[in-house]
């Protein structure tokens, strides 16, 4: 099992399991693409990605690297506007219910 746990990655129930799975899959693709590019081109200055602050240990599996990058804050999940508005609306109604009790 990969550490950190799903509870830690969900960051206070901000992200559900589906979002985390999608992040891991897309992040693993990013890691694999970067590894393949580096194998083909070495350390050429025309890197496809601006990755000055991101170091990847290519001895680990791509999914593990993606989860590590997300946990360290070097990779983010970008939510659509509708999802952000729905989450804010849900938080407001939950807060109003707690205050009225």
N, C-alpha and C. Protein backbone atom coordinates (compact mmCIF):
# COMPACT_ATOMS: atom_id res chain seq x y z
N UNK A 1 0.84 -1.18 0.00
CA UNK A 1 0.00 0.00 0.00
C UNK A 1 0.89 1.25 0.00
N UNK A 2 0.48 2.23 -0.75
CA UNK A 2 1.25 3.46 -0.89
C UNK A 2 0.92 4.39 0.26
N UNK A 3 1.94 4.91 0.88
CA UNK A 3 1.76 5.94 1.91
C UNK A 3 1.94 7.27 1.21
N UNK A 4 1.25 8.27 1.50
CA UNK A 4 0.29 8.56 2.56
C UNK A 4 -1.08 7.92 2.28
N UNK A 5 -1.90 7.92 3.30
CA UNK A 5 -3.21 7.28 3.19
C UNK A 5 -4.17 8.13 2.37
N UNK A 6 -5.29 7.53 1.99
CA UNK A 6 -6.31 8.25 1.23
C UNK A 6 -6.88 9.38 2.06
N UNK A 7 -7.02 9.18 3.37
CA UNK A 7 -7.54 10.24 4.23
C UNK A 7 -6.61 11.46 4.20
N UNK A 8 -5.31 11.23 4.21
CA UNK A 8 -4.36 12.35 4.14
C UNK A 8 -4.44 13.04 2.79
N UNK A 9 -4.53 12.26 1.73
CA UNK A 9 -4.56 12.82 0.39
C UNK A 9 -5.85 13.59 0.09
N UNK A 10 -6.95 13.18 0.72
CA UNK A 10 -8.23 13.84 0.43
C UNK A 10 -8.29 15.25 1.01
N UNK A 11 -7.34 15.60 1.86
CA UNK A 11 -7.20 16.94 2.42
C UNK A 11 -8.52 17.47 2.97
N UNK A 12 -8.99 16.80 4.01
CA UNK A 12 -10.21 17.25 4.68
C UNK A 12 -11.45 17.06 3.84
N UNK A 13 -11.53 15.96 3.12
CA UNK A 13 -12.67 15.62 2.26
C UNK A 13 -12.86 16.60 1.10
N UNK A 14 -11.81 17.30 0.72
CA UNK A 14 -11.88 18.18 -0.45
C UNK A 14 -11.91 17.35 -1.72
N UNK A 15 -11.14 16.27 -1.75
CA UNK A 15 -11.06 15.41 -2.92
C UNK A 15 -11.62 14.04 -2.59
N UNK A 16 -12.45 13.52 -3.49
CA UNK A 16 -12.97 12.16 -3.28
C UNK A 16 -12.03 11.15 -3.93
N UNK A 17 -12.35 9.88 -3.77
CA UNK A 17 -11.47 8.82 -4.28
C UNK A 17 -11.33 8.87 -5.80
N UNK A 18 -12.41 9.21 -6.48
CA UNK A 18 -12.35 9.28 -7.94
C UNK A 18 -11.33 10.34 -8.37
N UNK A 19 -11.37 11.51 -7.73
CA UNK A 19 -10.42 12.57 -8.07
C UNK A 19 -8.99 12.13 -7.81
N UNK A 20 -8.78 11.41 -6.72
CA UNK A 20 -7.44 10.94 -6.38
C UNK A 20 -6.94 9.90 -7.38
N UNK A 21 -7.84 9.03 -7.84
CA UNK A 21 -7.47 8.03 -8.84
C UNK A 21 -7.09 8.72 -10.15
N UNK A 22 -7.88 9.72 -10.55
CA UNK A 22 -7.58 10.45 -11.78
C UNK A 22 -6.26 11.20 -11.65
N UNK A 23 -6.01 11.79 -10.47
CA UNK A 23 -4.74 12.49 -10.25
C UNK A 23 -3.57 11.51 -10.36
N UNK A 24 -3.72 10.33 -9.76
CA UNK A 24 -2.64 9.35 -9.80
C UNK A 24 -2.39 8.87 -11.23
N UNK A 25 -3.45 8.67 -12.00
CA UNK A 25 -3.29 8.20 -13.38
C UNK A 25 -2.64 9.27 -14.26
N UNK A 26 -3.14 10.49 -14.16
CA UNK A 26 -2.57 11.56 -14.98
C UNK A 26 -1.16 11.91 -14.53
N UNK A 27 -0.93 11.86 -13.22
CA UNK A 27 0.40 12.13 -12.70
C UNK A 27 1.39 11.06 -13.14
N UNK A 28 0.94 9.80 -13.15
CA UNK A 28 1.81 8.71 -13.60
C UNK A 28 2.15 8.87 -15.08
N UNK A 29 1.19 9.35 -15.87
CA UNK A 29 1.46 9.60 -17.29
C UNK A 29 2.50 10.72 -17.43
N UNK A 30 2.38 11.77 -16.62
CA UNK A 30 3.35 12.86 -16.64
C UNK A 30 4.74 12.33 -16.29
N UNK A 31 4.85 11.51 -15.25
CA UNK A 31 6.14 10.97 -14.83
C UNK A 31 6.74 10.09 -15.93
N UNK A 32 5.90 9.25 -16.53
CA UNK A 32 6.36 8.36 -17.60
C UNK A 32 6.82 9.16 -18.82
N UNK A 33 6.03 10.18 -19.20
CA UNK A 33 6.42 11.03 -20.33
C UNK A 33 7.74 11.73 -20.07
N UNK A 34 7.89 12.23 -18.86
CA UNK A 34 9.13 12.92 -18.52
C UNK A 34 10.33 11.97 -18.54
N UNK A 35 10.12 10.77 -18.02
CA UNK A 35 11.20 9.77 -18.03
C UNK A 35 11.60 9.40 -19.45
N UNK A 36 10.60 9.17 -20.30
CA UNK A 36 10.88 8.82 -21.70
C UNK A 36 11.60 9.96 -22.43
N UNK A 37 11.15 11.19 -22.19
CA UNK A 37 11.79 12.33 -22.82
C UNK A 37 13.23 12.45 -22.36
N UNK A 38 13.46 12.24 -21.07
CA UNK A 38 14.81 12.36 -20.54
C UNK A 38 15.71 11.26 -21.11
N UNK A 39 15.17 10.06 -21.31
CA UNK A 39 15.97 8.98 -21.90
C UNK A 39 16.35 9.31 -23.34
N UNK A 40 15.42 9.92 -24.08
CA UNK A 40 15.67 10.23 -25.48
C UNK A 40 16.61 11.42 -25.65
N UNK A 41 16.40 12.46 -24.84
CA UNK A 41 17.10 13.72 -25.07
C UNK A 41 18.13 14.06 -24.01
N UNK A 42 18.21 13.30 -22.96
CA UNK A 42 19.16 13.61 -21.90
C UNK A 42 18.79 14.89 -21.19
N UNK A 43 19.77 15.66 -20.81
CA UNK A 43 19.53 16.92 -20.11
C UNK A 43 19.60 18.10 -21.06
N UNK A 44 18.87 18.02 -22.16
CA UNK A 44 18.89 19.12 -23.13
C UNK A 44 18.13 20.32 -22.57
N UNK A 45 18.50 21.53 -22.96
CA UNK A 45 17.83 22.72 -22.43
C UNK A 45 16.41 22.91 -22.94
N UNK A 46 16.01 22.17 -23.96
CA UNK A 46 14.66 22.31 -24.51
C UNK A 46 13.70 21.31 -23.89
N UNK A 47 13.72 21.20 -22.56
CA UNK A 47 12.82 20.26 -21.88
C UNK A 47 11.36 20.61 -22.19
N UNK A 48 10.53 19.60 -22.33
CA UNK A 48 9.11 19.83 -22.58
C UNK A 48 8.43 20.48 -21.39
N UNK A 49 8.85 20.12 -20.18
CA UNK A 49 8.19 20.58 -18.97
C UNK A 49 9.12 21.51 -18.21
N UNK A 50 8.55 22.51 -17.58
CA UNK A 50 9.32 23.37 -16.70
C UNK A 50 9.37 22.69 -15.34
N UNK A 51 10.43 21.94 -15.10
CA UNK A 51 10.50 21.08 -13.92
C UNK A 51 11.72 21.38 -13.08
N UNK A 52 12.02 22.64 -12.91
CA UNK A 52 13.21 23.00 -12.15
C UNK A 52 13.13 22.54 -10.70
N UNK A 53 11.97 22.63 -10.08
CA UNK A 53 11.84 22.29 -8.68
C UNK A 53 11.32 20.87 -8.43
N UNK A 54 11.09 20.12 -9.48
CA UNK A 54 10.54 18.77 -9.32
C UNK A 54 11.63 17.74 -9.62
N UNK A 55 11.95 16.95 -8.61
CA UNK A 55 12.89 15.86 -8.79
C UNK A 55 12.13 14.55 -8.67
N UNK A 56 12.34 13.68 -9.63
CA UNK A 56 11.64 12.40 -9.66
C UNK A 56 12.65 11.29 -9.57
N UNK A 57 12.38 10.35 -8.68
CA UNK A 57 13.23 9.16 -8.54
C UNK A 57 12.68 8.12 -9.50
N UNK A 58 13.35 7.92 -10.63
CA UNK A 58 12.84 7.00 -11.65
C UNK A 58 12.99 5.54 -11.26
N UNK A 59 13.57 5.26 -10.09
CA UNK A 59 13.62 3.88 -9.59
C UNK A 59 12.28 3.46 -9.01
N UNK A 60 11.45 4.43 -8.62
CA UNK A 60 10.11 4.13 -8.11
C UNK A 60 9.13 4.00 -9.27
N UNK A 61 7.99 3.41 -8.98
CA UNK A 61 6.94 3.28 -9.99
C UNK A 61 6.30 4.65 -10.24
N UNK A 62 5.78 4.89 -11.44
CA UNK A 62 5.19 6.19 -11.77
C UNK A 62 4.04 6.61 -10.86
N UNK A 63 3.17 5.68 -10.46
CA UNK A 63 2.04 6.03 -9.60
C UNK A 63 2.56 6.49 -8.23
N UNK A 64 3.54 5.81 -7.71
CA UNK A 64 4.11 6.19 -6.42
C UNK A 64 4.74 7.59 -6.51
N UNK A 65 5.43 7.87 -7.60
CA UNK A 65 6.00 9.20 -7.81
C UNK A 65 4.91 10.26 -7.90
N UNK A 66 3.82 9.96 -8.60
CA UNK A 66 2.73 10.92 -8.75
C UNK A 66 2.09 11.23 -7.39
N UNK A 67 1.86 10.21 -6.59
CA UNK A 67 1.26 10.41 -5.28
C UNK A 67 2.20 11.23 -4.39
N UNK A 68 3.47 10.94 -4.47
CA UNK A 68 4.45 11.69 -3.68
C UNK A 68 4.47 13.16 -4.09
N UNK A 69 4.44 13.44 -5.39
CA UNK A 69 4.42 14.81 -5.87
C UNK A 69 3.17 15.54 -5.41
N UNK A 70 2.03 14.87 -5.43
CA UNK A 70 0.78 15.49 -4.99
C UNK A 70 0.84 15.78 -3.49
N UNK A 71 1.31 14.82 -2.72
CA UNK A 71 1.37 14.98 -1.27
C UNK A 71 2.32 16.11 -0.87
N UNK A 72 3.40 16.29 -1.63
CA UNK A 72 4.36 17.35 -1.34
C UNK A 72 3.89 18.71 -1.87
N UNK A 73 2.79 18.74 -2.60
CA UNK A 73 2.26 20.00 -3.12
C UNK A 73 2.87 20.44 -4.43
N UNK A 74 3.62 19.57 -5.07
CA UNK A 74 4.25 19.91 -6.35
C UNK A 74 3.34 19.62 -7.53
N UNK A 75 2.24 18.92 -7.26
CA UNK A 75 1.23 18.63 -8.27
C UNK A 75 -0.12 18.96 -7.65
N UNK A 76 -1.03 19.52 -8.42
CA UNK A 76 -2.33 19.93 -7.89
C UNK A 76 -3.45 19.35 -8.71
N UNK A 77 -4.62 19.29 -8.09
CA UNK A 77 -5.84 18.91 -8.80
C UNK A 77 -6.59 20.19 -9.10
N UNK A 78 -6.83 20.44 -10.37
CA UNK A 78 -7.57 21.62 -10.77
C UNK A 78 -9.03 21.23 -10.96
N UNK A 79 -9.89 21.81 -10.14
CA UNK A 79 -11.31 21.50 -10.20
C UNK A 79 -12.03 22.44 -11.15
N UNK A 80 -13.09 21.95 -11.83
CA UNK A 80 -13.89 22.83 -12.69
C UNK A 80 -14.65 23.86 -11.83
N UNK A 81 -15.01 24.98 -12.45
CA UNK A 81 -15.73 26.04 -11.75
C UNK A 81 -17.01 25.54 -11.09
N UNK A 82 -17.76 24.68 -11.77
CA UNK A 82 -19.02 24.18 -11.24
C UNK A 82 -18.80 23.40 -9.94
N UNK A 83 -17.73 22.61 -9.91
CA UNK A 83 -17.44 21.82 -8.72
C UNK A 83 -17.06 22.71 -7.55
N UNK A 84 -16.31 23.75 -7.81
CA UNK A 84 -15.91 24.68 -6.75
C UNK A 84 -17.13 25.40 -6.20
N UNK A 85 -18.02 25.87 -7.08
CA UNK A 85 -19.24 26.55 -6.63
C UNK A 85 -20.13 25.62 -5.84
N UNK A 86 -20.26 24.37 -6.28
CA UNK A 86 -21.10 23.41 -5.56
C UNK A 86 -20.53 23.12 -4.18
N UNK A 87 -19.21 23.00 -4.09
CA UNK A 87 -18.58 22.75 -2.79
C UNK A 87 -18.78 23.94 -1.85
N UNK A 88 -18.63 25.17 -2.37
CA UNK A 88 -18.84 26.37 -1.55
C UNK A 88 -20.27 26.46 -1.08
N UNK A 89 -21.22 26.17 -1.96
CA UNK A 89 -22.64 26.20 -1.60
C UNK A 89 -22.95 25.15 -0.53
N UNK A 90 -22.38 23.98 -0.67
CA UNK A 90 -22.57 22.92 0.32
C UNK A 90 -22.00 23.34 1.67
N UNK A 91 -20.84 23.97 1.65
CA UNK A 91 -20.22 24.43 2.91
C UNK A 91 -21.08 25.49 3.58
N UNK A 92 -21.68 26.39 2.79
CA UNK A 92 -22.52 27.44 3.36
C UNK A 92 -23.76 26.85 4.02
N UNK A 93 -24.41 25.90 3.35
CA UNK A 93 -25.63 25.30 3.91
C UNK A 93 -25.30 24.47 5.15
N UNK A 94 -24.18 23.79 5.13
CA UNK A 94 -23.76 23.01 6.31
C UNK A 94 -23.47 23.93 7.48
N UNK A 95 -22.80 25.04 7.21
CA UNK A 95 -22.48 26.00 8.26
C UNK A 95 -23.75 26.62 8.83
N UNK A 96 -24.71 26.97 7.96
CA UNK A 96 -25.98 27.54 8.42
C UNK A 96 -26.76 26.56 9.27
N UNK A 97 -26.74 25.28 8.92
CA UNK A 97 -27.44 24.27 9.72
C UNK A 97 -26.82 24.13 11.09
N UNK A 98 -25.50 24.19 11.18
CA UNK A 98 -24.81 24.05 12.45
C UNK A 98 -25.08 25.26 13.33
N UNK A 99 -25.14 26.45 12.76
CA UNK A 99 -25.37 27.67 13.52
C UNK A 99 -26.80 27.71 14.08
N UNK A 100 -27.76 27.26 13.28
CA UNK A 100 -29.17 27.30 13.71
C UNK A 100 -29.48 26.28 14.80
N UNK A 101 -28.69 25.28 14.96
CA UNK A 101 -28.97 24.25 15.98
C UNK A 101 -28.65 24.70 17.33
